[in-house]
């Protein structure tokens, strides 16, 4: 098994995600969102609370929707600041839209060929989210070591881990689907 070719991620997939740190510190946030990847159309979208983001330093949590269109080489970010405000009635949450941002965008956040491009090494199997997973380790230039956990014998991503061993970023994908993604998901309106 050590010499097997790393799998490709599915042509099209989407999932909710949960993002957290190991070990969690008191100031660390547990955040979540949803992501869509369509490699045939070279499009992706991620909606969620930004992590890492310091509510203590900024005064708010940041929700961001980002639609990346690598074919058109552009990305659109829409942001909303969620701030807590103490009132006589208790703590209220105020939502304030922030200015949209557009930027160049040359590659999807998570390329379909990420494991092959970075010569991922199969390092064994473990249980992840109640399923048996193949574990693949690799390192991108200038980045921390990453381990991707894929449902055994597939390209279905269950968990991503990256870090230096002292602090590890973890993202779980508990309900991954390979159903076609409607055009409306990537529409910019």
C-alpha atoms as a PDB file:
ATOM      1  CA  UNK A   1       0.000   0.000   0.000  1.00  0.00           C
ATOM      2  CA  UNK A   2       2.929   2.389   0.617  1.00  0.00           C
ATOM      3  CA  UNK A   3       3.593   2.717  -3.152  1.00  0.00           C
ATOM      4  CA  UNK A   4       0.005   3.334  -4.254  1.00  0.00           C
ATOM      5  CA  UNK A   5      -0.819   6.480  -6.214  1.00  0.00           C
ATOM      6  CA  UNK A   6      -2.591   9.117  -4.113  1.00  0.00           C
ATOM      7  CA  UNK A   7      -6.250   9.554  -5.101  1.00  0.00           C
ATOM      8  CA  UNK A   8      -7.814  12.590  -6.715  1.00  0.00           C
ATOM      9  CA  UNK A   9     -10.554  14.467  -4.918  1.00  0.00           C
ATOM     10  CA  UNK A  10     -13.999  13.966  -6.547  1.00  0.00           C
ATOM     11  CA  UNK A  11     -14.791  16.032  -9.672  1.00  0.00           C
ATOM     12  CA  UNK A  12     -17.508  17.793  -7.734  1.00  0.00           C
ATOM     13  CA  UNK A  13     -18.129  17.781  -3.976  1.00  0.00           C
ATOM     14  CA  UNK A  14     -19.619  19.801  -1.147  1.00  0.00           C
ATOM     15  CA  UNK A  15     -19.881  19.533   2.611  1.00  0.00           C
ATOM     16  CA  UNK A  16     -20.468  21.356   5.844  1.00  0.00           C
ATOM     17  CA  UNK A  17     -17.242  21.777   7.765  1.00  0.00           C
ATOM     18  CA  UNK A  18     -16.185  22.269  11.349  1.00  0.00           C
ATOM     19  CA  UNK A  19     -12.896  24.086  11.965  1.00  0.00           C
ATOM     20  CA  UNK A  20     -10.958  23.888  15.243  1.00  0.00           C
ATOM     21  CA  UNK A  21      -7.491  23.682  16.796  1.00  0.00           C
ATOM     22  CA  UNK A  22      -5.680  20.891  18.616  1.00  0.00           C
ATOM     23  CA  UNK A  23      -5.043  21.556  21.380  1.00  0.00           C
ATOM     24  CA  UNK A  24      -7.785  24.167  21.825  1.00  0.00           C
ATOM     25  CA  UNK A  25      -6.751  27.240  23.826  1.00  0.00           C
ATOM     26  CA  UNK A  26      -9.215  29.403  25.791  1.00  0.00           C
ATOM     27  CA  UNK A  27      -9.116  32.118  23.097  1.00  0.00           C
ATOM     28  CA  UNK A  28      -9.565  29.656  20.174  1.00  0.00           C
ATOM     29  CA  UNK A  29     -12.901  29.499  18.402  1.00  0.00           C
ATOM     30  CA  UNK A  30     -14.755  26.497  17.071  1.00  0.00           C
ATOM     31  CA  UNK A  31     -16.228  27.627  13.737  1.00  0.00           C
ATOM     32  CA  UNK A  32     -18.237  26.102  10.941  1.00  0.00           C
ATOM     33  CA  UNK A  33     -19.439  26.727   7.438  1.00  0.00           C
ATOM     34  CA  UNK A  34     -20.077  25.107   4.078  1.00  0.00           C
ATOM     35  CA  UNK A  35     -17.921  24.583   0.995  1.00  0.00           C
ATOM     36  CA  UNK A  36     -18.480  23.629  -2.638  1.00  0.00           C
ATOM     37  CA  UNK A  37     -15.821  22.537  -5.156  1.00  0.00           C
ATOM     38  CA  UNK A  38     -16.509  21.925  -8.855  1.00  0.00           C
ATOM     39  CA  UNK A  39     -13.244  21.062 -10.584  1.00  0.00           C
ATOM     40  CA  UNK A  40     -14.862  20.648 -14.013  1.00  0.00           C
ATOM     41  CA  UNK A  41     -15.969  24.297 -13.928  1.00  0.00           C
ATOM     42  CA  UNK A  42     -12.890  25.441 -11.951  1.00  0.00           C
ATOM     43  CA  UNK A  43     -15.119  27.030  -9.277  1.00  0.00           C
ATOM     44  CA  UNK A  44     -15.298  26.925  -5.502  1.00  0.00           C
ATOM     45  CA  UNK A  45     -17.248  28.645  -2.759  1.00  0.00           C
ATOM     46  CA  UNK A  46     -16.732  28.752   0.978  1.00  0.00           C
ATOM     47  CA  UNK A  47     -19.232  30.266   3.437  1.00  0.00           C
ATOM     48  CA  UNK A  48     -18.411  30.415   7.112  1.00  0.00           C
ATOM     49  CA  UNK A  49     -17.083  32.114  10.185  1.00  0.00           C
ATOM     50  CA  UNK A  50     -13.478  33.040   9.558  1.00  0.00           C
ATOM     51  CA  UNK A  51     -10.968  31.061  11.636  1.00  0.00           C
ATOM     52  CA  UNK A  52      -8.564  32.210  13.006  1.00  0.00           C
ATOM     53  CA  UNK A  53     -10.236  35.507  13.866  1.00  0.00           C
ATOM     54  CA  UNK A  54      -9.972  37.315  17.207  1.00  0.00           C
ATOM     55  CA  UNK A  55     -13.334  38.630  18.367  1.00  0.00           C
ATOM     56  CA  UNK A  56     -11.571  40.095  21.403  1.00  0.00           C
ATOM     57  CA  UNK A  57      -9.202  42.165  19.208  1.00  0.00           C
ATOM     58  CA  UNK A  58     -11.659  43.160  16.461  1.00  0.00           C
ATOM     59  CA  UNK A  59     -14.875  43.412  18.446  1.00  0.00           C
ATOM     60  CA  UNK A  60     -16.762  41.052  16.142  1.00  0.00           C
ATOM     61  CA  UNK A  61     -16.884  37.627  14.522  1.00  0.00           C
ATOM     62  CA  UNK A  62     -16.391  37.633  10.757  1.00  0.00           C
ATOM     63  CA  UNK A  63     -18.704  35.731   8.404  1.00  0.00           C
ATOM     64  CA  UNK A  64     -17.335  35.490   4.886  1.00  0.00           C
ATOM     65  CA  UNK A  65     -18.664  34.145   1.615  1.00  0.00           C
ATOM     66  CA  UNK A  66     -15.948  33.714  -1.005  1.00  0.00           C
ATOM     67  CA  UNK A  67     -16.615  32.580  -4.549  1.00  0.00           C
ATOM     68  CA  UNK A  68     -13.436  31.683  -6.393  1.00  0.00           C
ATOM     69  CA  UNK A  69     -13.526  31.456 -10.170  1.00  0.00           C
ATOM     70  CA  UNK A  70     -10.117  30.213 -11.309  1.00  0.00           C
ATOM     71  CA  UNK A  71     -11.231  30.116 -14.963  1.00  0.00           C
ATOM     72  CA  UNK A  72     -11.991  33.859 -14.855  1.00  0.00           C
ATOM     73  CA  UNK A  73      -9.052  34.395 -12.456  1.00  0.00           C
ATOM     74  CA  UNK A  74     -11.097  36.379  -9.935  1.00  0.00           C
ATOM     75  CA  UNK A  75     -12.604  35.975  -6.510  1.00  0.00           C
ATOM     76  CA  UNK A  76     -15.399  37.820  -4.740  1.00  0.00           C
ATOM     77  CA  UNK A  77     -15.504  38.103  -0.939  1.00  0.00           C
ATOM     78  CA  UNK A  78     -18.649  39.204   0.875  1.00  0.00           C
ATOM     79  CA  UNK A  79     -18.298  39.824   4.602  1.00  0.00           C
ATOM     80  CA  UNK A  80     -20.558  40.461   7.560  1.00  0.00           C
ATOM     81  CA  UNK A  81     -19.369  41.536  11.015  1.00  0.00           C
ATOM     82  CA  UNK A  82     -21.347  39.996  13.896  1.00  0.00           C
ATOM     83  CA  UNK A  83     -20.822  42.007  17.092  1.00  0.00           C
ATOM     84  CA  UNK A  84     -22.217  41.501  20.580  1.00  0.00           C
ATOM     85  CA  UNK A  85     -23.769  44.493  22.304  1.00  0.00           C
ATOM     86  CA  UNK A  86     -24.918  44.589  25.909  1.00  0.00           C
ATOM     87  CA  UNK A  87     -28.337  46.181  26.338  1.00  0.00           C
ATOM     88  CA  UNK A  88     -30.833  46.380  29.160  1.00  0.00           C
ATOM     89  CA  UNK A  89     -32.559  43.338  27.613  1.00  0.00           C
ATOM     90  CA  UNK A  90     -29.320  41.331  27.574  1.00  0.00           C
ATOM     91  CA  UNK A  91     -26.731  40.597  24.927  1.00  0.00           C
ATOM     92  CA  UNK A  92     -27.840  41.424  21.386  1.00  0.00           C
ATOM     93  CA  UNK A  93     -26.062  40.487  18.155  1.00  0.00           C
ATOM     94  CA  UNK A  94     -25.671  43.173  15.507  1.00  0.00           C
ATOM     95  CA  UNK A  95     -24.942  42.219  11.877  1.00  0.00           C
ATOM     96  CA  UNK A  96     -23.100  44.821   9.788  1.00  0.00           C
ATOM     97  CA  UNK A  97     -22.267  44.156   6.133  1.00  0.00           C
ATOM     98  CA  UNK A  98     -18.710  45.127   5.211  1.00  0.00           C
ATOM     99  CA  UNK A  99     -17.480  46.231   1.783  1.00  0.00           C
ATOM    100  CA  UNK A 100     -17.207  43.501  -0.884  1.00  0.00           C
ATOM    101  CA  UNK A 101     -13.707  42.685  -2.086  1.00  0.00           C
ATOM    102  CA  UNK A 102     -12.540  41.402  -5.453  1.00  0.00           C
ATOM    103  CA  UNK A 103      -9.069  40.017  -6.033  1.00  0.00           C
ATOM    104  CA  UNK A 104      -7.072  37.948  -8.515  1.00  0.00           C
ATOM    105  CA  UNK A 105      -7.625  34.208  -8.129  1.00  0.00           C
ATOM    106  CA  UNK A 106      -5.493  31.695 -10.021  1.00  0.00           C
ATOM    107  CA  UNK A 107      -6.155  28.348  -8.337  1.00  0.00           C
ATOM    108  CA  UNK A 108      -8.906  26.775  -6.247  1.00  0.00           C
ATOM    109  CA  UNK A 109      -8.212  26.745  -2.503  1.00  0.00           C
ATOM    110  CA  UNK A 110      -7.999  22.973  -2.563  1.00  0.00           C
ATOM    111  CA  UNK A 111      -6.851  21.607  -5.946  1.00  0.00           C
ATOM    112  CA  UNK A 112      -8.293  18.256  -7.042  1.00  0.00           C
ATOM    113  CA  UNK A 113      -4.739  16.955  -7.503  1.00  0.00           C
ATOM    114  CA  UNK A 114      -3.360  18.295  -4.191  1.00  0.00           C
ATOM    115  CA  UNK A 115      -2.207  14.860  -2.963  1.00  0.00           C
ATOM    116  CA  UNK A 116      -0.466  13.961  -6.229  1.00  0.00           C
ATOM    117  CA  UNK A 117       1.010  17.428  -6.774  1.00  0.00           C
ATOM    118  CA  UNK A 118       2.733  17.270  -3.400  1.00  0.00           C
ATOM    119  CA  UNK A 119       3.735  13.592  -3.564  1.00  0.00           C
ATOM    120  CA  UNK A 120       1.565  12.561  -0.613  1.00  0.00           C
ATOM    121  CA  UNK A 121       2.690   9.468   1.250  1.00  0.00           C
ATOM    122  CA  UNK A 122       0.221   6.864   2.485  1.00  0.00           C
ATOM    123  CA  UNK A 123       0.800   6.501   6.245  1.00  0.00           C
ATOM    124  CA  UNK A 124      -1.897   4.045   7.278  1.00  0.00           C
ATOM    125  CA  UNK A 125      -5.538   3.887   8.265  1.00  0.00           C
ATOM    126  CA  UNK A 126      -7.460   5.261  11.207  1.00  0.00           C
ATOM    127  CA  UNK A 127     -11.035   5.896  12.253  1.00  0.00           C
ATOM    128  CA  UNK A 128     -12.304   9.395  11.448  1.00  0.00           C
ATOM    129  CA  UNK A 129     -15.882  10.534  12.057  1.00  0.00           C
ATOM    130  CA  UNK A 130     -16.888   6.919  12.638  1.00  0.00           C
ATOM    131  CA  UNK A 131     -15.462   5.736   9.297  1.00  0.00           C
ATOM    132  CA  UNK A 132     -12.283   3.953   8.324  1.00  0.00           C
ATOM    133  CA  UNK A 133      -9.968   6.415   6.569  1.00  0.00           C
ATOM    134  CA  UNK A 134      -6.781   6.263   4.504  1.00  0.00           C
ATOM    135  CA  UNK A 135      -4.244   8.790   5.824  1.00  0.00           C
ATOM    136  CA  UNK A 136      -2.063  10.759   3.390  1.00  0.00           C
ATOM    137  CA  UNK A 137       0.808  13.004   4.550  1.00  0.00           C
ATOM    138  CA  UNK A 138       2.436  15.757   2.489  1.00  0.00           C
ATOM    139  CA  UNK A 139       4.009  19.174   2.774  1.00  0.00           C
ATOM    140  CA  UNK A 140       3.515  22.179   0.509  1.00  0.00           C
ATOM    141  CA  UNK A 141       6.431  24.539   0.047  1.00  0.00           C
ATOM    142  CA  UNK A 142       6.460  27.123   2.822  1.00  0.00           C
ATOM    143  CA  UNK A 143       3.557  25.439   4.684  1.00  0.00           C
ATOM    144  CA  UNK A 144       3.216  23.162   7.694  1.00  0.00           C
ATOM    145  CA  UNK A 145       2.898  19.395   7.351  1.00  0.00           C
ATOM    146  CA  UNK A 146      -0.620  18.284   6.286  1.00  0.00           C
ATOM    147  CA  UNK A 147      -2.477  15.015   6.690  1.00  0.00           C
ATOM    148  CA  UNK A 148      -5.652  14.323   4.721  1.00  0.00           C
ATOM    149  CA  UNK A 149      -7.986  11.535   5.806  1.00  0.00           C
ATOM    150  CA  UNK A 150     -10.093  10.053   3.000  1.00  0.00           C
ATOM    151  CA  UNK A 151     -12.772   7.385   3.256  1.00  0.00           C
ATOM    152  CA  UNK A 152     -10.991   4.079   2.565  1.00  0.00           C
ATOM    153  CA  UNK A 153     -10.430   3.411  -1.129  1.00  0.00           C
ATOM    154  CA  UNK A 154     -11.904   6.748  -2.251  1.00  0.00           C
ATOM    155  CA  UNK A 155     -11.148  10.413  -2.734  1.00  0.00           C
ATOM    156  CA  UNK A 156     -13.842  11.416  -0.230  1.00  0.00           C
ATOM    157  CA  UNK A 157     -12.280  13.853   2.224  1.00  0.00           C
ATOM    158  CA  UNK A 158     -13.267  13.396   5.881  1.00  0.00           C
ATOM    159  CA  UNK A 159     -10.641  15.527   7.661  1.00  0.00           C
ATOM    160  CA  UNK A 160      -7.695  17.835   6.956  1.00  0.00           C
ATOM    161  CA  UNK A 161      -4.990  18.510   9.537  1.00  0.00           C
ATOM    162  CA  UNK A 162      -2.075  20.890   9.246  1.00  0.00           C
ATOM    163  CA  UNK A 163       0.350  22.223  11.774  1.00  0.00           C
ATOM    164  CA  UNK A 164       3.742  22.125  13.326  1.00  0.00           C
ATOM    165  CA  UNK A 165       2.912  19.540  16.001  1.00  0.00           C
ATOM    166  CA  UNK A 166       2.489  22.145  18.757  1.00  0.00           C
ATOM    167  CA  UNK A 167      -0.630  23.719  17.223  1.00  0.00           C
ATOM    168  CA  UNK A 168      -2.691  21.897  14.617  1.00  0.00           C
ATOM    169  CA  UNK A 169      -5.533  23.266  12.505  1.00  0.00           C
ATOM    170  CA  UNK A 170      -8.255  20.659  11.915  1.00  0.00           C
ATOM    171  CA  UNK A 171     -11.163  20.809   9.493  1.00  0.00           C
ATOM    172  CA  UNK A 172     -13.776  18.024   9.519  1.00  0.00           C
ATOM    173  CA  UNK A 173     -16.209  17.352   6.649  1.00  0.00           C
ATOM    174  CA  UNK A 174     -19.040  15.388   8.299  1.00  0.00           C
ATOM    175  CA  UNK A 175     -21.542  15.189   5.424  1.00  0.00           C
ATOM    176  CA  UNK A 176     -19.581  15.198   2.180  1.00  0.00           C
ATOM    177  CA  UNK A 177     -21.706  14.841  -0.954  1.00  0.00           C
ATOM    178  CA  UNK A 178     -20.725  14.337  -4.580  1.00  0.00           C
ATOM    179  CA  UNK A 179     -24.124  15.443  -5.916  1.00  0.00           C
ATOM    180  CA  UNK A 180     -24.072  17.984  -8.770  1.00  0.00           C
ATOM    181  CA  UNK A 181     -23.817  21.577  -7.575  1.00  0.00           C
ATOM    182  CA  UNK A 182     -26.501  23.935  -8.920  1.00  0.00           C
ATOM    183  CA  UNK A 183     -25.305  26.968 -10.943  1.00  0.00           C
ATOM    184  CA  UNK A 184     -26.955  29.270  -8.386  1.00  0.00           C
ATOM    185  CA  UNK A 185     -24.364  28.322  -5.745  1.00  0.00           C
ATOM    186  CA  UNK A 186     -21.651  30.096  -7.750  1.00  0.00           C
ATOM    187  CA  UNK A 187     -23.807  32.976  -9.002  1.00  0.00           C
ATOM    188  CA  UNK A 188     -22.595  36.444  -8.092  1.00  0.00           C
ATOM    189  CA  UNK A 189     -25.585  38.656  -7.411  1.00  0.00           C
END
